[in-house]
Every structure is written in structure tokens, then in C-alpha cells.
Amino acid sequence: MTAGDRLVFRAGDRRYAVAAGRVRELARLPRLTPVPLAPQGLLGLGNVRGETIAVLSPAAMTGGEALGAARHLLVLGGSDPIALAIDAVERSDGDEAGRIEDFPLDQWIAQAFPLRASARRASAGGAMARPVRHAMRDDRLALLRVAIGDQSFALPLEEVAQVLRMPRDVALLPGADAAVVGTIRWRDRSLGVLSLAALLGLSGDEGAETDRARRRIVVVTLGGQNLGLLVDHVEGLLRVSPGRIDSLPTALLRTEGEARISAICRPEGGGRLVSMLAVDELLRDPAARLPVTKDQRTGKAAPASSPSSPRMSLLLVRIGPHDLALPVGAIDKVMGPPERLTTLPGAPPWLAGLAATGGEPLAVVDQVMRLTGSPASGARRRLIVLRTDGRRVGFLVDEARTILAVERSMLVPAPLPDALADGIFGEVLHASDGGGRTLLVVQPAALLSSAEQALMAEIARRQPTPAP
């Protein structure tokens, strides 16, 4: 309730008042996305009717419990997308005025949480996202590498809409061909799923439950419709220059499975050969076709690597408790952690060492250590090699979870301090498949620059002070 022209609210064990004209609305506390290295009082980012809001905690400001009994948001007016997490709006009686503190809103925002100017401009101009930063053009072909048994295959990344875990709830189709797995729920529609092993005439992995848990569904665009391809597991991303792609000799095209392979690629740095699939040939056999409903039909996906494309591909990774997204256009490859690392004496703890990949040394940064203070761990650790502006650095993460193709218009500026994590968080995405999740999108160029700058600062700090 208001006391004069003030609105009174409770946060923790204190009562505050703000000018009623500063409050745009009262809303429910949404699902929050925590921000790595966030300043005191920043609970995270939330989605309030499609707008990304920075949610601040008055209780945490004063040393109390960050969330506590907070259930509501006071969404502030103005150009800055900020809200306060509060316990309740309360009635004010005249004789209690002395026990109500004036909340120092402007002072706290100005000193502790300066917003990036681009976020203010975007908020003032509506939901227009600023242009996404891109890496330098790369003429190499981007591929998603998958496995069937002990064989590797690759799909053009521009055809991939998403990579999903195999759900438990699969609707079977009685009397369907052996290649038909069934249908699943995907983005509020039915998605037909085919077995890639059956389409290629191969035997998939029929091993233990732990192996079956690795199975993935790769959602692709075929002939104007979205379909799922069941694979044994996803091996990662791969970029191959045109000179390392060899045509398949015509004399070898003697079976239906081989006819669906368009070329053989030789990955840089060695390793086994990878068969490139001719995506438009996978459904040539009429018996393997699925009934297609109207809501499955889509336009053909635009290439994810094209800067003018309205779509882009993101790799979702886990870093400690955080889910972050990386633009696939800047990713050189995704692979398992290197078997051998050459440690550097006196290096900061987050610099894991040097690895030999692709015939040249690669600096490996433990990004989990950098953002959370704990090293990357677990069997799902992955090394993500980023390349931008001629620089190449590897980042260890706890898990590379999935690939997601999104519309560029879904990205909006992150309302975060410019200095937070060296400015690596540029945009946010409201994921349509995550129950209201807000995903932080990392700027690859800023990520590489921040790692290099931090390393140089650490080296300078460790240098002995010259004698006078």
C-alpha cells in the first residue's frame, strides 16, 4: 500500500518505501537464472512477459538471506529493466512512518549495479535486440558428428534444429517400418523419430543402460519438415575445410546405406574418417517415411553460419550450476578433455595448461574454475575450442548439453554490469523449450579477450618488483 506518494514493502526483516511513481507494476517472482560472478544483491535474470529483468534483492543488500520469503517483484519503471524481489507489499499506518526506511534506489543502482548503455537503449526502444557479434567468416563446413556403433557420421549443422536426450515417453506406431522409432513431444507439437542406424542398414549400440542413456535425437529439417534421427551418441562439433572433403567413389555405391553417404571427410589433426550424410537422401525409401502433420511442416532452415540469416545455432553448456550458451559460429570443435596437458609454472589455477591439437599448441582454460572457483569435473567434461579474430583457445566445461537453433530476434541485450565477468555476457535468450528459462549467451570474442587479459595481469602480478 502507499503512504502518501510512497509504496511500502517488506524484504526480510525490514520495511522500506519507494516513490510510488517509480514502480511500474507488481508481479510474481519468476524462475530466475543465476549469473556467474554476480555482485551482491543480484539474484539473477527473470522473464516478465517476454522482457528480461535483472532481479535485485534488498534483503541481500543488508546482509540477509537473498531469497528468503520473497515471492513478488516490484518492477521499476524507466529504461532500466530492473525489479526488486520482495516478500510483500504492506499497509502503512501514519504512526508507523518512523519505522519505514526510505529505500536508496538510485544510489544503489548507480554505485553497485550500473547497466550497460546498450541495454538501456534496447529497453527504451522496445524489444529490439542489438546486432549479434560474429566471428570472422569461416569457409569451413560446420558439421555435427554423431556415432552409430563404432562408426562416425556427420550432418551439416545448418540442417540441425536441436539435439535432444531420448525421452521415456515415445508413442509407437503399430505396423510401421523398422526404421520408425515413433513420435515424441517437441516444442508443443508431435515429432516423428527415425532410427539412423536402420536407415543406413547398420546395427546400433544395444549395450547396457548407461550406453542407452547416451542416445540422442537429432532434430533435422528434411524436405520442409522437422524429423528426429535417433543416434547412439553425439561426438561433438567438427569444422572441415573443403580440401579435406573427398567424394565417395561411384564404384562403392552398391547399397542403399552407402548411397546415403555423400562424402568422406578427413578431420584436421588426424583421427578416424567421418562419413558425411546426404540428408535429403535419408528418406528415399518410402517404407521409412512417417506421417507428417501440418504442425511438423516448417520452412527449410537457413544456414547457421550466414551472418544475414534470421537463425543461428547455439551450443548449450553447463559450467558448475550455470547453463550458458555459445554461438556455434565461433566454435572450432567440441571434443573430450585432452589426455595430456603441459602445465605452466606459476600459471593461475584456471589455466589448465597447453595441449597439442591440430598440430599446434592450444592454451586450455578451465572455464568452470574461472567462473565458480571449482575445477571442471565429471565424465561429461568437454573441451570447446573457440576461434575468433585469428585467436584459438580451448575452454573446459562440465558438459556440452545440446545444440539449439533459434531466431536471432529471440536474443536481447543482457541487463548486466559492463564489468561483470569482463563483459562476456552479451545477450540473453528466452528458451522456448525450457519452461521459461532465460539463458545467458556468451560473447566468444570477449571470452577470449578476458582470458588473455587475465593471464597477462597474472603474469605481471607475479613479476618481482624491481629494486630501487
Protein backbone atom coordinates (compact mmCIF):
# COMPACT_ATOMS: atom_id res chain seq x y z
CA MET A 1 0.00 0.00 0.00
CA THR A 2 1.11 3.59 -0.39
CA ALA A 3 2.00 6.04 2.33
CA GLY A 4 1.32 9.38 0.68
CA ASP A 5 3.14 9.06 -2.62
CA ARG A 6 5.27 6.16 -1.37
CA LEU A 7 4.81 2.40 -1.75
CA VAL A 8 5.69 0.36 1.35
CA PHE A 9 7.09 -3.18 1.07
CA ARG A 10 8.74 -5.77 3.28
CA ALA A 11 12.02 -7.51 2.42
CA GLY A 12 13.47 -9.81 5.06
CA ASP A 13 13.05 -8.24 8.50
CA ARG A 14 12.86 -4.66 7.22
CA ARG A 15 10.23 -2.38 5.80
CA TYR A 16 11.07 0.04 3.03
CA ALA A 17 9.35 2.68 0.96
CA VAL A 18 9.96 3.84 -2.58
CA ALA A 19 8.28 6.56 -4.55
CA ALA A 20 5.09 5.06 -5.97
CA GLY A 21 5.79 6.70 -9.31
CA ARG A 22 8.99 4.66 -9.65
CA VAL A 23 7.08 1.35 -9.64
CA ARG A 24 5.66 0.11 -12.93
CA GLU A 25 3.88 -2.99 -11.67
CA LEU A 26 3.72 -5.77 -9.10
CA ALA A 27 4.38 -9.26 -10.49
CA ARG A 28 5.04 -12.78 -9.29
CA LEU A 29 8.64 -13.82 -8.81
CA PRO A 30 9.55 -15.75 -12.00
CA ARG A 31 12.00 -18.59 -12.42
CA LEU A 32 15.43 -16.99 -12.07
CA THR A 33 18.64 -17.66 -13.96
CA PRO A 34 21.65 -17.11 -11.66
CA VAL A 35 24.53 -15.12 -13.12
CA PRO A 36 28.15 -16.26 -12.62
CA LEU A 37 30.24 -13.85 -10.52
CA ALA A 38 27.15 -11.75 -9.83
CA PRO A 39 27.51 -8.80 -7.43
CA GLN A 40 25.91 -8.90 -4.02
CA GLY A 41 22.19 -8.45 -4.28
CA LEU A 42 21.75 -9.62 -7.87
CA LEU A 43 19.59 -12.73 -7.64
CA GLY A 44 19.62 -13.36 -11.38
CA LEU A 45 17.65 -12.69 -14.54
CA GLY A 46 13.97 -13.36 -14.97
CA ASN A 47 11.44 -13.29 -17.76
CA VAL A 48 8.49 -10.99 -17.08
CA ARG A 49 6.07 -11.24 -20.01
CA GLY A 50 8.88 -11.58 -22.54
CA GLU A 51 11.14 -8.90 -21.04
CA THR A 52 14.47 -9.79 -19.46
CA ILE A 53 14.61 -8.25 -16.00
CA ALA A 54 17.55 -8.03 -13.58
CA VAL A 55 16.16 -9.09 -10.20
CA LEU A 56 17.74 -7.45 -7.16
CA SER A 57 17.36 -8.37 -3.51
CA PRO A 58 17.02 -5.61 -0.91
CA ALA A 59 17.34 -8.29 1.79
CA ALA A 60 20.74 -9.45 0.45
CA MET A 61 21.93 -5.85 0.31
CA THR A 62 21.65 -5.59 4.06
CA GLY A 63 23.26 -8.96 4.81
CA GLY A 64 20.09 -11.01 4.98
CA GLU A 65 19.04 -14.13 3.11
CA ALA A 66 18.89 -13.41 -0.63
CA LEU A 67 15.55 -15.01 -1.39
CA GLY A 68 14.07 -15.77 1.99
CA ALA A 69 10.32 -15.42 1.74
CA ALA A 70 10.44 -13.31 -1.42
CA ARG A 71 7.52 -14.16 -3.69
CA HIS A 72 6.86 -10.94 -5.59
CA LEU A 73 8.58 -8.42 -7.84
CA LEU A 74 8.37 -4.68 -7.83
CA VAL A 75 9.13 -3.93 -11.47
CA LEU A 76 10.57 -0.46 -11.72
CA GLY A 77 9.62 1.99 -14.42
CA GLY A 78 12.06 3.76 -16.68
CA SER A 79 14.56 2.50 -19.24
CA ASP A 80 16.50 0.16 -16.93
CA PRO A 81 14.98 -3.36 -16.80
CA ILE A 82 15.22 -3.80 -13.01
CA ALA A 83 12.92 -5.34 -10.41
CA LEU A 84 13.13 -5.79 -6.64
CA ALA A 85 12.41 -9.17 -5.04
CA ILE A 86 10.16 -8.51 -2.04
CA ASP A 87 8.22 -10.50 0.50
CA ALA A 88 5.04 -8.45 0.33
CA VAL A 89 3.50 -5.03 -0.19
CA GLU A 90 2.23 -3.79 3.17
CA ARG A 91 -0.21 -1.28 4.55
CA SER A 92 1.24 1.82 6.12
CA ASP A 93 -0.31 3.48 9.16
CA GLY A 94 0.56 7.02 9.95
CA ASP A 95 2.09 6.24 13.37
CA GLU A 96 4.48 3.69 11.81
CA ALA A 97 6.15 6.11 9.43
CA GLY A 98 9.26 6.32 11.58
CA ARG A 99 9.86 2.57 11.26
CA ILE A 100 9.81 2.60 7.47
CA GLU A 101 13.15 3.19 5.76
CA ASP A 102 13.48 5.05 2.50
CA PHE A 103 15.00 2.62 0.04
CA PRO A 104 18.10 4.24 -1.58
CA LEU A 105 17.20 3.01 -5.04
CA ASP A 106 19.11 5.44 -7.26
CA GLN A 107 22.22 5.37 -5.11
CA TRP A 108 22.42 1.59 -5.07
CA ILE A 109 21.82 1.16 -8.80
CA ALA A 110 24.34 3.86 -9.69
CA GLN A 111 27.10 2.57 -7.38
CA ALA A 112 26.61 -1.18 -7.26
CA PHE A 113 24.83 -2.13 -10.45
CA PRO A 114 25.49 0.13 -13.44
CA LEU A 115 23.66 -1.21 -16.50
CA ARG A 116 25.29 -1.37 -19.89
CA ALA A 117 24.20 1.51 -22.11
CA SER A 118 23.13 -0.86 -24.89
CA ALA A 119 20.58 -2.48 -22.58
CA ARG A 120 19.10 0.93 -21.76
CA ARG A 121 18.83 1.82 -25.43
CA ALA A 122 17.19 -1.52 -26.27
CA SER A 123 14.71 -1.23 -23.43
CA ALA A 124 13.84 2.37 -24.35
CA GLY A 125 13.29 1.40 -27.97
CA GLY A 126 11.18 -1.65 -27.25
CA ALA A 127 12.16 -5.28 -27.67
CA MET A 128 14.67 -4.62 -30.43
CA ALA A 129 17.83 -6.68 -29.96
CA ARG A 130 21.14 -5.12 -30.84
CA PRO A 131 23.13 -6.88 -33.58
CA VAL A 132 24.80 -10.09 -32.50
CA ARG A 133 28.59 -10.03 -32.66
CA HIS A 134 30.02 -12.54 -35.08
CA ALA A 135 33.36 -14.17 -35.50
CA MET A 136 35.29 -13.71 -38.73
CA ARG A 137 33.87 -15.54 -41.71
CA ASP A 138 34.97 -19.15 -41.83
CA ASP A 139 34.73 -21.03 -45.12
CA ARG A 140 34.99 -24.39 -43.40
CA LEU A 141 31.90 -26.59 -43.28
CA ALA A 142 30.32 -26.92 -39.85
CA LEU A 143 29.25 -30.49 -39.04
CA LEU A 144 27.59 -32.30 -36.17
CA ARG A 145 29.46 -35.55 -35.57
CA VAL A 146 27.37 -38.50 -34.39
CA ALA A 147 28.09 -42.18 -33.79
CA ILE A 148 26.30 -45.39 -34.77
CA GLY A 149 28.07 -48.26 -33.08
CA ASP A 150 31.78 -47.73 -33.71
CA GLN A 151 31.27 -45.65 -36.87
CA SER A 152 31.24 -41.85 -37.13
CA PHE A 153 28.89 -39.87 -39.33
CA ALA A 154 28.37 -36.16 -39.83
CA LEU A 155 25.33 -33.99 -40.55
CA PRO A 156 25.58 -30.42 -41.87
CA LEU A 157 24.96 -28.19 -38.89
CA GLU A 158 22.70 -25.92 -40.94
CA GLU A 159 20.20 -28.79 -41.11
CA VAL A 160 20.16 -29.33 -37.31
CA ALA A 161 17.41 -27.62 -35.31
CA GLN A 162 18.18 -29.18 -31.92
CA VAL A 163 19.77 -32.13 -30.15
CA LEU A 164 17.59 -33.86 -27.53
CA ARG A 165 18.01 -36.56 -24.94
CA MET A 166 16.00 -39.68 -25.66
CA PRO A 167 12.72 -39.21 -23.74
CA ARG A 168 10.98 -42.00 -21.90
CA ASP A 169 7.62 -41.16 -23.42
CA VAL A 170 7.67 -42.33 -27.05
CA ALA A 171 4.42 -43.04 -28.88
CA LEU A 172 4.88 -46.15 -31.02
CA LEU A 173 3.27 -46.56 -34.45
CA PRO A 174 1.85 -50.09 -34.91
CA GLY A 175 2.84 -51.74 -38.18
CA ALA A 176 5.45 -49.12 -39.02
CA ASP A 177 8.74 -49.88 -40.74
CA ALA A 178 11.70 -50.96 -38.62
CA ALA A 179 13.30 -47.55 -39.15
CA VAL A 180 10.39 -45.81 -37.39
CA VAL A 181 11.02 -45.31 -33.67
CA GLY A 182 7.77 -43.43 -33.02
CA THR A 183 6.71 -39.90 -32.17
CA ILE A 184 7.65 -37.61 -29.30
CA ARG A 185 6.55 -34.23 -27.98
CA TRP A 186 8.76 -31.38 -29.23
CA ARG A 187 8.02 -27.68 -28.91
CA ASP A 188 4.31 -28.29 -28.35
CA ARG A 189 3.99 -30.48 -31.43
CA SER A 190 4.43 -34.11 -32.47
CA LEU A 191 7.82 -35.03 -33.88
CA GLY A 192 8.44 -38.22 -35.84
CA VAL A 193 11.63 -40.08 -34.91
CA LEU A 194 13.57 -42.44 -37.18
CA SER A 195 16.49 -44.71 -36.37
CA LEU A 196 19.57 -43.53 -38.26
CA ALA A 197 21.10 -46.98 -37.82
CA ALA A 198 18.11 -48.61 -39.54
CA LEU A 199 18.13 -46.04 -42.34
CA LEU A 200 21.78 -46.87 -43.01
CA GLY A 201 21.37 -50.62 -42.61
CA LEU A 202 23.66 -50.72 -39.55
CA SER A 203 23.44 -52.21 -36.08
CA GLY A 204 23.18 -49.62 -33.35
CA ASP A 205 24.52 -49.83 -29.79
CA GLU A 206 22.46 -52.40 -27.92
CA GLY A 207 24.64 -52.25 -24.80
CA ALA A 208 23.97 -51.51 -21.16
CA GLU A 209 21.60 -48.92 -19.75
CA THR A 210 24.50 -46.48 -19.30
CA ASP A 211 25.09 -46.63 -23.07
CA ARG A 212 21.40 -46.22 -23.85
CA ALA A 213 21.39 -43.11 -21.67
CA ARG A 214 23.85 -41.54 -24.13
CA ARG A 215 21.44 -41.81 -27.04
CA ARG A 216 20.31 -38.57 -28.60
CA ILE A 217 17.67 -37.41 -31.05
CA VAL A 218 19.00 -35.01 -33.67
CA VAL A 219 16.15 -32.84 -34.97
CA VAL A 220 16.80 -32.05 -38.64
CA THR A 221 14.97 -30.35 -41.49
CA LEU A 222 14.25 -32.72 -44.36
CA GLY A 223 12.14 -31.74 -47.33
CA GLY A 224 10.48 -28.89 -45.48
CA GLN A 225 9.60 -30.90 -42.38
CA ASN A 226 11.21 -31.45 -39.00
CA LEU A 227 12.13 -35.05 -38.14
CA GLY A 228 14.17 -36.66 -35.40
CA LEU A 229 17.08 -39.04 -36.06
CA LEU A 230 17.98 -41.40 -33.23
CA VAL A 231 21.76 -41.88 -32.85
CA ASP A 232 23.85 -43.80 -30.32
CA HIS A 233 25.56 -40.62 -29.12
CA VAL A 234 26.78 -37.24 -30.27
CA GLU A 235 30.56 -36.94 -30.56
CA GLY A 236 30.67 -33.16 -30.94
CA LEU A 237 31.09 -30.37 -33.46
CA LEU A 238 33.55 -30.53 -36.32
CA ARG A 239 34.74 -27.96 -38.85
CA VAL A 240 36.32 -29.22 -42.05
CA SER A 241 37.91 -27.21 -44.84
CA PRO A 242 36.71 -28.06 -48.39
CA GLY A 243 40.10 -29.52 -49.24
CA ARG A 244 39.67 -32.24 -46.62
CA ILE A 245 36.36 -33.49 -48.04
CA ASP A 246 36.66 -36.34 -50.55
CA SER A 247 33.91 -37.60 -52.83
CA LEU A 248 32.83 -41.18 -52.41
CA PRO A 249 33.95 -43.30 -55.41
CA THR A 250 30.97 -44.29 -57.54
CA ALA A 251 32.12 -47.92 -57.58
CA LEU A 252 31.44 -48.14 -53.83
CA LEU A 253 27.83 -47.02 -54.06
CA ARG A 254 26.37 -50.51 -54.12
CA THR A 255 23.96 -50.46 -51.18
CA GLU A 256 21.16 -48.20 -50.04
CA GLY A 257 23.16 -47.26 -46.92
CA GLU A 258 26.21 -46.21 -48.90
CA ALA A 259 24.05 -44.22 -51.31
CA ARG A 260 23.08 -42.00 -48.39
CA ILE A 261 26.71 -41.02 -47.80
CA SER A 262 27.74 -38.01 -49.86
CA ALA A 263 31.42 -37.72 -49.00
CA ILE A 264 34.24 -38.69 -46.64
CA CYS A 265 35.99 -36.04 -44.58
CA ARG A 266 39.46 -36.19 -43.02
CA PRO A 267 39.39 -34.22 -39.73
CA GLU A 268 42.27 -31.87 -39.13
CA GLY A 269 44.77 -33.22 -36.66
CA GLY A 270 44.16 -36.83 -37.63
CA GLY A 271 41.64 -39.25 -36.19
CA ARG A 272 39.30 -41.65 -37.93
CA LEU A 273 37.49 -40.76 -41.13
CA VAL A 274 33.97 -39.39 -40.90
CA SER A 275 31.20 -40.22 -43.37
CA MET A 276 29.11 -37.22 -44.39
CA LEU A 277 25.44 -38.00 -44.76
CA ALA A 278 23.37 -36.86 -47.71
CA VAL A 279 20.49 -35.57 -45.61
CA ASP A 280 17.99 -35.30 -48.45
CA GLU A 281 18.62 -38.97 -49.34
CA LEU A 282 17.80 -40.39 -45.91
CA LEU A 283 14.07 -40.74 -46.62
CA ARG A 284 14.34 -42.03 -50.16
CA ASP A 285 12.94 -45.40 -49.04
CA PRO A 286 9.12 -44.88 -48.90
CA ALA A 287 8.77 -47.53 -46.17
CA ALA A 288 10.76 -45.32 -43.78
CA ARG A 289 8.53 -42.28 -44.20
CA LEU A 290 6.48 -41.01 -41.29
CA PRO A 291 3.00 -39.50 -41.37
CA VAL A 292 3.53 -35.74 -41.26
CA THR A 293 1.01 -33.48 -39.60
CA LYS A 294 0.64 -29.82 -40.50
CA ASP A 295 2.39 -28.60 -37.36
CA GLN A 296 5.52 -30.56 -38.31
CA ARG A 297 5.99 -28.65 -41.55
CA THR A 298 8.48 -25.80 -41.50
CA GLY A 299 10.44 -23.75 -43.93
CA LYS A 300 13.92 -25.01 -44.70
CA ALA A 301 16.35 -23.80 -42.05
CA ALA A 302 18.73 -21.09 -43.18
CA PRO A 303 22.43 -21.82 -42.77
CA ALA A 304 23.53 -21.11 -39.20
CA SER A 305 26.86 -19.72 -40.39
CA SER A 306 25.38 -16.92 -42.51
CA PRO A 307 25.50 -13.50 -40.77
CA SER A 308 22.40 -12.37 -42.68
CA SER A 309 20.41 -15.43 -41.63
CA PRO A 310 17.47 -14.89 -39.25
CA ARG A 311 18.51 -18.07 -37.44
CA MET A 312 21.61 -19.03 -35.51
CA SER A 313 22.81 -22.14 -33.69
CA LEU A 314 23.79 -22.14 -30.03
CA LEU A 315 25.67 -24.77 -28.04
CA LEU A 316 24.26 -25.07 -24.52
CA VAL A 317 26.93 -25.90 -21.95
CA ARG A 318 26.96 -26.49 -18.20
CA ILE A 319 29.50 -24.65 -16.07
CA GLY A 320 29.02 -25.60 -12.43
CA PRO A 321 25.39 -24.74 -11.61
CA HIS A 322 25.03 -22.47 -14.64
CA ASP A 323 23.60 -23.20 -18.09
CA LEU A 324 25.21 -20.92 -20.68
CA ALA A 325 25.04 -20.70 -24.47
CA LEU A 326 27.84 -20.23 -27.00
CA PRO A 327 27.31 -19.22 -30.66
CA VAL A 328 28.27 -22.22 -32.77
CA GLY A 329 29.71 -19.92 -35.43
CA ALA A 330 32.77 -19.26 -33.26
CA ILE A 331 33.34 -22.89 -32.21
CA ASP A 332 36.18 -24.70 -33.91
CA LYS A 333 35.40 -28.09 -32.40
CA VAL A 334 33.98 -29.83 -29.35
CA MET A 335 35.92 -32.79 -28.03
CA GLY A 336 36.74 -34.74 -24.91
CA PRO A 337 39.25 -33.28 -22.45
CA PRO A 338 42.86 -33.65 -23.67
CA GLU A 339 44.67 -36.73 -22.39
CA ARG A 340 47.89 -34.81 -21.87
CA LEU A 341 48.40 -31.25 -20.70
CA THR A 342 51.68 -29.43 -20.28
CA THR A 343 51.33 -27.33 -17.15
CA LEU A 344 52.92 -23.90 -16.98
CA PRO A 345 54.90 -22.99 -13.83
CA GLY A 346 53.38 -20.10 -11.94
CA ALA A 347 50.20 -20.08 -14.04
CA PRO A 348 46.88 -19.15 -12.40
CA PRO A 349 44.80 -22.16 -11.28
CA TRP A 350 42.26 -21.69 -14.07
CA LEU A 351 44.93 -22.11 -16.79
CA ALA A 352 44.96 -25.91 -17.07
CA GLY A 353 47.97 -25.94 -19.43
CA LEU A 354 48.86 -26.46 -23.08
CA ALA A 355 47.51 -29.26 -25.28
CA ALA A 356 48.62 -30.33 -28.74
CA THR A 357 45.60 -30.26 -31.08
CA GLY A 358 45.64 -29.79 -34.82
CA GLY A 359 49.43 -29.77 -34.89
CA GLU A 360 49.79 -26.62 -32.78
CA PRO A 361 49.77 -25.83 -29.05
CA LEU A 362 46.44 -24.85 -27.57
CA ALA A 363 46.01 -22.94 -24.32
CA VAL A 364 43.37 -24.71 -22.22
CA VAL A 365 41.35 -22.60 -19.77
CA ASP A 366 39.27 -24.28 -17.08
CA GLN A 367 36.25 -22.03 -17.50
CA VAL A 368 34.46 -23.73 -14.62
CA MET A 369 37.30 -22.73 -12.30
CA ARG A 370 37.23 -19.17 -13.65
CA LEU A 371 33.51 -18.68 -13.06
CA THR A 372 32.83 -20.82 -9.98
CA GLY A 373 36.17 -21.38 -8.23
CA SER A 374 35.92 -25.17 -8.59
CA PRO A 375 37.58 -27.19 -11.39
CA ALA A 376 35.65 -28.86 -14.20
CA SER A 377 34.80 -32.42 -13.21
CA GLY A 378 32.78 -35.46 -14.19
CA ALA A 379 32.70 -37.91 -17.04
CA ARG A 380 30.86 -35.45 -19.31
CA ARG A 381 33.59 -32.81 -19.37
CA ARG A 382 34.23 -31.33 -22.78
CA LEU A 383 36.85 -29.11 -24.37
CA ILE A 384 35.35 -26.37 -26.53
CA VAL A 385 37.83 -24.80 -28.92
CA LEU A 386 36.89 -21.25 -29.87
CA ARG A 387 38.41 -19.35 -32.76
CA THR A 388 37.80 -15.69 -33.44
CA ASP A 389 39.93 -12.93 -34.98
CA GLY A 390 42.68 -15.46 -35.62
CA ARG A 391 42.89 -16.49 -31.96
CA ARG A 392 42.26 -20.03 -30.77
CA VAL A 393 41.74 -21.08 -27.13
CA GLY A 394 40.24 -24.17 -25.52
CA PHE A 395 37.74 -23.92 -22.67
CA LEU A 396 36.90 -26.81 -20.35
CA VAL A 397 33.23 -27.09 -19.34
CA ASP A 398 31.38 -29.63 -17.23
CA GLU A 399 29.11 -30.69 -20.08
CA ALA A 400 28.10 -29.79 -23.63
CA ARG A 401 24.39 -30.42 -23.40
CA THR A 402 22.66 -29.69 -26.67
CA ILE A 403 22.58 -27.64 -29.85
CA LEU A 404 19.68 -25.27 -30.31
CA ALA A 405 18.73 -23.35 -33.47
CA VAL A 406 16.94 -20.10 -32.62
CA GLU A 407 15.67 -16.98 -34.32
CA ARG A 408 18.05 -14.06 -33.91
CA SER A 409 15.13 -11.88 -32.85
CA MET A 410 14.88 -14.01 -29.69
CA LEU A 411 18.16 -12.53 -28.41
CA VAL A 412 18.04 -9.35 -26.33
CA PRO A 413 20.80 -7.44 -24.53
CA ALA A 414 21.68 -8.76 -21.08
CA PRO A 415 20.88 -6.13 -18.42
CA LEU A 416 24.15 -6.72 -16.55
CA PRO A 417 27.05 -4.56 -15.36
CA ASP A 418 29.68 -3.95 -18.04
CA ALA A 419 32.45 -5.08 -15.69
CA LEU A 420 30.77 -8.35 -14.71
CA ALA A 421 32.94 -11.30 -15.83
CA ASP A 422 34.85 -8.93 -18.13
CA GLY A 423 31.75 -8.31 -20.21
CA ILE A 424 31.50 -11.87 -21.60
CA PHE A 425 27.69 -11.96 -21.25
CA GLY A 426 26.27 -10.02 -24.18
CA GLU A 427 22.75 -11.31 -24.80
CA VAL A 428 20.08 -13.45 -23.20
CA LEU A 429 17.68 -15.92 -24.76
CA HIS A 430 14.26 -16.96 -23.56
CA ALA A 431 14.43 -20.67 -24.42
CA SER A 432 11.16 -21.95 -25.81
CA ASP A 433 11.87 -25.50 -24.64
CA GLY A 434 12.91 -24.85 -21.07
CA GLY A 435 9.87 -23.88 -19.09
CA GLY A 436 10.64 -20.17 -19.04
CA ARG A 437 14.40 -20.43 -18.78
CA THR A 438 16.50 -17.38 -19.50
CA LEU A 439 19.85 -18.41 -20.98
CA LEU A 440 22.93 -16.22 -20.88
CA VAL A 441 24.70 -16.09 -24.24
CA VAL A 442 28.48 -15.73 -24.07
CA GLN A 443 30.30 -13.42 -26.48
CA PRO A 444 33.22 -15.52 -27.81
CA ALA A 445 35.46 -12.55 -28.64
CA ALA A 446 35.03 -11.13 -25.14
CA LEU A 447 35.60 -14.57 -23.61
CA LEU A 448 38.91 -14.98 -25.41
CA SER A 449 39.98 -11.43 -24.66
CA SER A 450 39.13 -11.72 -20.97
CA ALA A 451 41.15 -14.94 -20.65
CA GLU A 452 44.15 -13.36 -22.33
CA GLN A 453 43.93 -10.17 -20.30
CA ALA A 454 43.56 -12.07 -17.04
CA LEU A 455 46.59 -14.18 -17.90
CA MET A 456 48.71 -11.12 -18.72
CA ALA A 457 47.61 -9.45 -15.48
CA GLU A 458 48.52 -12.58 -13.50
CA ILE A 459 51.95 -12.75 -15.14
CA ALA A 460 52.54 -9.07 -14.37
CA ARG A 461 51.45 -9.56 -10.78
CA ARG A 462 53.93 -12.40 -10.32
CA GLN A 463 56.87 -10.43 -11.69
CA PRO A 464 59.38 -9.42 -8.99
CA THR A 465 59.37 -5.76 -8.08
CA PRO A 466 62.48 -4.03 -9.46
CA ALA A 467 64.98 -2.92 -6.84
CA PRO A 468 65.12 0.83 -6.35
